[in-house]
Amino acid sequence: MSSRELAKSLIDHVPESKLLYVVAYLQGVVVPDETPNAETVAAMQEVNEMIRTGTGQHFRGSAAELFAMLDAEDEKDA
């Protein structure tokens, strides 16, 4: 019997009053796949290259100013 099969069979023997603890534990050990997709990998490589070469645009200001700048760029490109 595999570990998975054993775990499934043991679930049936857990009292209902303690099943919530088992569910919480299982939710904690289930880790989603956090492998970045190709677009994210490309963006991270681009940033690493910008850091390495000292290129790119550096912004100093508030978040509101950043979004205003991005909105202005979008309007210019439209």
N, C-alpha and C. Protein backbone atom coordinates (compact mmCIF):
# COMPACT_ATOMS: atom_id res chain seq x y z
N MET A 1 0.86 -1.17 0.00
CA MET A 1 0.00 0.00 0.00
C MET A 1 0.91 1.24 0.00
N SER A 2 0.60 2.18 -0.88
CA SER A 2 1.40 3.40 -0.97
C SER A 2 1.07 4.32 0.21
N SER A 3 1.93 5.30 0.42
CA SER A 3 1.68 6.27 1.49
C SER A 3 0.39 7.03 1.25
N ARG A 4 0.12 7.34 -0.03
CA ARG A 4 -1.11 8.06 -0.38
C ARG A 4 -2.34 7.21 -0.03
N GLU A 5 -2.29 5.94 -0.37
CA GLU A 5 -3.42 5.05 -0.08
C GLU A 5 -3.61 4.90 1.43
N LEU A 6 -2.50 4.78 2.17
CA LEU A 6 -2.58 4.67 3.62
C LEU A 6 -3.20 5.92 4.23
N ALA A 7 -2.78 7.10 3.76
CA ALA A 7 -3.33 8.36 4.27
C ALA A 7 -4.83 8.44 4.01
N LYS A 8 -5.24 8.05 2.81
CA LYS A 8 -6.67 8.08 2.48
C LYS A 8 -7.48 7.14 3.36
N SER A 9 -6.93 5.96 3.64
CA SER A 9 -7.67 5.01 4.48
C SER A 9 -7.72 5.48 5.93
N LEU A 10 -6.68 6.16 6.40
CA LEU A 10 -6.67 6.64 7.78
C LEU A 10 -7.66 7.79 7.98
N ILE A 11 -7.89 8.57 6.95
CA ILE A 11 -8.85 9.69 7.04
C ILE A 11 -10.21 9.18 7.50
N ASP A 12 -10.59 8.02 7.02
CA ASP A 12 -11.90 7.47 7.38
C ASP A 12 -12.00 7.15 8.87
N HIS A 13 -10.88 7.01 9.55
CA HIS A 13 -10.88 6.65 10.97
C HIS A 13 -10.71 7.86 11.89
N VAL A 14 -10.50 9.04 11.33
CA VAL A 14 -10.35 10.25 12.13
C VAL A 14 -11.73 10.71 12.58
N PRO A 15 -11.89 10.93 13.90
CA PRO A 15 -13.20 11.39 14.37
C PRO A 15 -13.54 12.76 13.77
N GLU A 16 -14.79 12.98 13.53
CA GLU A 16 -15.25 14.24 12.93
C GLU A 16 -14.77 15.45 13.74
N SER A 17 -14.69 15.30 15.05
CA SER A 17 -14.27 16.42 15.90
C SER A 17 -12.81 16.80 15.69
N LYS A 18 -11.99 15.91 15.13
CA LYS A 18 -10.57 16.19 14.89
C LYS A 18 -10.23 16.35 13.42
N LEU A 19 -11.21 16.13 12.57
CA LEU A 19 -10.97 16.20 11.13
C LEU A 19 -10.55 17.60 10.69
N LEU A 20 -11.03 18.62 11.36
CA LEU A 20 -10.65 19.99 11.02
C LEU A 20 -9.15 20.18 11.16
N TYR A 21 -8.53 19.57 12.17
CA TYR A 21 -7.09 19.68 12.36
C TYR A 21 -6.33 19.01 11.21
N VAL A 22 -6.85 17.88 10.78
CA VAL A 22 -6.21 17.16 9.67
C VAL A 22 -6.31 17.99 8.39
N VAL A 23 -7.45 18.56 8.15
CA VAL A 23 -7.65 19.38 6.95
C VAL A 23 -6.72 20.59 6.99
N ALA A 24 -6.62 21.24 8.14
CA ALA A 24 -5.74 22.41 8.26
C ALA A 24 -4.29 22.02 8.00
N TYR A 25 -3.88 20.88 8.52
CA TYR A 25 -2.51 20.42 8.30
C TYR A 25 -2.27 20.14 6.82
N LEU A 26 -3.20 19.43 6.19
CA LEU A 26 -3.05 19.10 4.77
C LEU A 26 -3.00 20.37 3.92
N GLN A 27 -3.79 21.36 4.26
CA GLN A 27 -3.75 22.61 3.50
C GLN A 27 -2.40 23.30 3.66
N GLY A 28 -1.78 23.12 4.82
CA GLY A 28 -0.49 23.74 5.06
C GLY A 28 0.65 23.07 4.32
N VAL A 29 0.52 21.78 4.04
CA VAL A 29 1.62 21.08 3.37
C VAL A 29 1.46 21.05 1.86
N VAL A 30 0.30 21.42 1.38
CA VAL A 30 0.10 21.46 -0.07
C VAL A 30 0.64 22.79 -0.57
N VAL A 31 1.71 22.75 -1.34
CA VAL A 31 2.36 23.95 -1.83
C VAL A 31 2.09 24.07 -3.33
N PRO A 32 1.52 25.19 -3.76
CA PRO A 32 1.27 25.34 -5.21
C PRO A 32 2.58 25.47 -5.97
N ASP A 33 2.53 25.16 -7.23
CA ASP A 33 3.69 25.28 -8.10
C ASP A 33 4.00 26.76 -8.27
N GLU A 34 5.17 27.18 -7.81
CA GLU A 34 5.54 28.59 -7.89
C GLU A 34 6.60 28.84 -8.95
N THR A 35 6.66 27.96 -9.94
CA THR A 35 7.62 28.12 -11.03
C THR A 35 7.15 29.27 -11.92
N PRO A 36 7.99 30.28 -12.12
CA PRO A 36 7.57 31.41 -12.95
C PRO A 36 7.41 31.00 -14.41
N ASN A 37 6.46 31.65 -15.09
CA ASN A 37 6.26 31.36 -16.50
C ASN A 37 7.34 32.07 -17.33
N ALA A 38 7.35 31.82 -18.61
CA ALA A 38 8.41 32.34 -19.49
C ALA A 38 8.45 33.88 -19.49
N GLU A 39 7.30 34.52 -19.46
CA GLU A 39 7.25 35.98 -19.46
C GLU A 39 7.88 36.55 -18.18
N THR A 40 7.60 35.92 -17.05
CA THR A 40 8.17 36.37 -15.79
C THR A 40 9.68 36.15 -15.76
N VAL A 41 10.13 35.00 -16.26
CA VAL A 41 11.56 34.71 -16.31
C VAL A 41 12.27 35.75 -17.17
N ALA A 42 11.68 36.10 -18.31
CA ALA A 42 12.28 37.09 -19.20
C ALA A 42 12.36 38.45 -18.51
N ALA A 43 11.32 38.82 -17.76
CA ALA A 43 11.32 40.11 -17.05
C ALA A 43 12.39 40.12 -15.96
N MET A 44 12.54 39.01 -15.25
CA MET A 44 13.57 38.94 -14.20
C MET A 44 14.96 39.02 -14.81
N GLN A 45 15.16 38.37 -15.95
CA GLN A 45 16.46 38.44 -16.62
C GLN A 45 16.75 39.86 -17.08
N GLU A 46 15.72 40.54 -17.57
CA GLU A 46 15.89 41.93 -18.02
C GLU A 46 16.29 42.82 -16.84
N VAL A 47 15.64 42.65 -15.71
CA VAL A 47 15.98 43.46 -14.54
C VAL A 47 17.39 43.14 -14.06
N ASN A 48 17.76 41.87 -14.03
CA ASN A 48 19.11 41.50 -13.61
C ASN A 48 20.16 42.12 -14.53
N GLU A 49 19.87 42.16 -15.82
CA GLU A 49 20.80 42.77 -16.78
C GLU A 49 20.89 44.28 -16.54
N MET A 50 19.76 44.90 -16.25
CA MET A 50 19.76 46.34 -15.97
C MET A 50 20.57 46.63 -14.70
N ILE A 51 20.44 45.78 -13.70
CA ILE A 51 21.23 45.96 -12.47
C ILE A 51 22.71 45.78 -12.77
N ARG A 52 23.03 44.75 -13.55
CA ARG A 52 24.42 44.44 -13.86
C ARG A 52 25.09 45.58 -14.63
N THR A 53 24.37 46.16 -15.58
CA THR A 53 24.96 47.19 -16.44
C THR A 53 24.70 48.62 -15.96
N GLY A 54 23.85 48.76 -14.95
CA GLY A 54 23.54 50.10 -14.45
C GLY A 54 22.66 50.89 -15.39
N THR A 55 21.93 50.21 -16.26
CA THR A 55 21.05 50.89 -17.21
C THR A 55 19.61 50.88 -16.69
N GLY A 56 18.74 51.43 -17.46
CA GLY A 56 17.33 51.45 -17.09
C GLY A 56 16.96 52.78 -16.47
N GLN A 57 15.69 52.92 -16.23
CA GLN A 57 15.19 54.17 -15.69
C GLN A 57 15.02 54.02 -14.18
N HIS A 58 15.53 54.97 -13.44
CA HIS A 58 15.40 54.97 -11.99
C HIS A 58 14.38 56.02 -11.60
N PHE A 59 13.42 55.64 -10.79
CA PHE A 59 12.35 56.55 -10.41
C PHE A 59 12.42 56.84 -8.92
N ARG A 60 12.35 58.10 -8.57
CA ARG A 60 12.27 58.50 -7.17
C ARG A 60 11.03 59.38 -7.04
N GLY A 61 10.12 58.94 -6.23
CA GLY A 61 8.90 59.70 -6.03
C GLY A 61 7.84 58.83 -5.39
N SER A 62 6.66 59.36 -5.29
CA SER A 62 5.56 58.63 -4.65
C SER A 62 4.93 57.67 -5.64
N ALA A 63 4.13 56.77 -5.11
CA ALA A 63 3.40 55.83 -5.96
C ALA A 63 2.44 56.59 -6.88
N ALA A 64 1.82 57.63 -6.35
CA ALA A 64 0.89 58.42 -7.17
C ALA A 64 1.63 59.05 -8.35
N GLU A 65 2.84 59.54 -8.11
CA GLU A 65 3.63 60.13 -9.18
C GLU A 65 4.04 59.08 -10.21
N LEU A 66 4.37 57.89 -9.72
CA LEU A 66 4.74 56.80 -10.63
C LEU A 66 3.58 56.45 -11.55
N PHE A 67 2.38 56.28 -10.96
CA PHE A 67 1.22 55.93 -11.78
C PHE A 67 0.85 57.05 -12.74
N ALA A 68 1.02 58.28 -12.32
CA ALA A 68 0.74 59.41 -13.22
C ALA A 68 1.71 59.38 -14.41
N MET A 69 2.98 59.06 -14.14
CA MET A 69 3.97 58.97 -15.21
C MET A 69 3.61 57.83 -16.18
N LEU A 70 3.21 56.68 -15.62
CA LEU A 70 2.84 55.55 -16.47
C LEU A 70 1.60 55.86 -17.30
N ASP A 71 0.61 56.53 -16.68
CA ASP A 71 -0.60 56.93 -17.42
C ASP A 71 -0.24 57.87 -18.56
N ALA A 72 0.66 58.80 -18.32
CA ALA A 72 1.08 59.74 -19.36
C ALA A 72 1.77 59.01 -20.50
N GLU A 73 2.57 58.02 -20.17
CA GLU A 73 3.23 57.22 -21.22
C GLU A 73 2.19 56.45 -22.04
N ASP A 74 1.17 55.90 -21.37
CA ASP A 74 0.11 55.18 -22.09
C ASP A 74 -0.63 56.10 -23.03
N GLU A 75 -0.93 57.32 -22.57
CA GLU A 75 -1.65 58.28 -23.42
C GLU A 75 -0.80 58.68 -24.61
N LYS A 76 0.51 58.80 -24.40
CA LYS A 76 1.44 59.17 -25.48
C LYS A 76 1.50 58.05 -26.51
N ASP A 77 1.49 56.79 -26.05
CA ASP A 77 1.60 55.65 -26.96
C ASP A 77 0.28 55.33 -27.67
N ALA A 78 -0.82 55.85 -27.16
CA ALA A 78 -2.14 55.54 -27.75
C ALA A 78 -2.39 56.25 -29.05
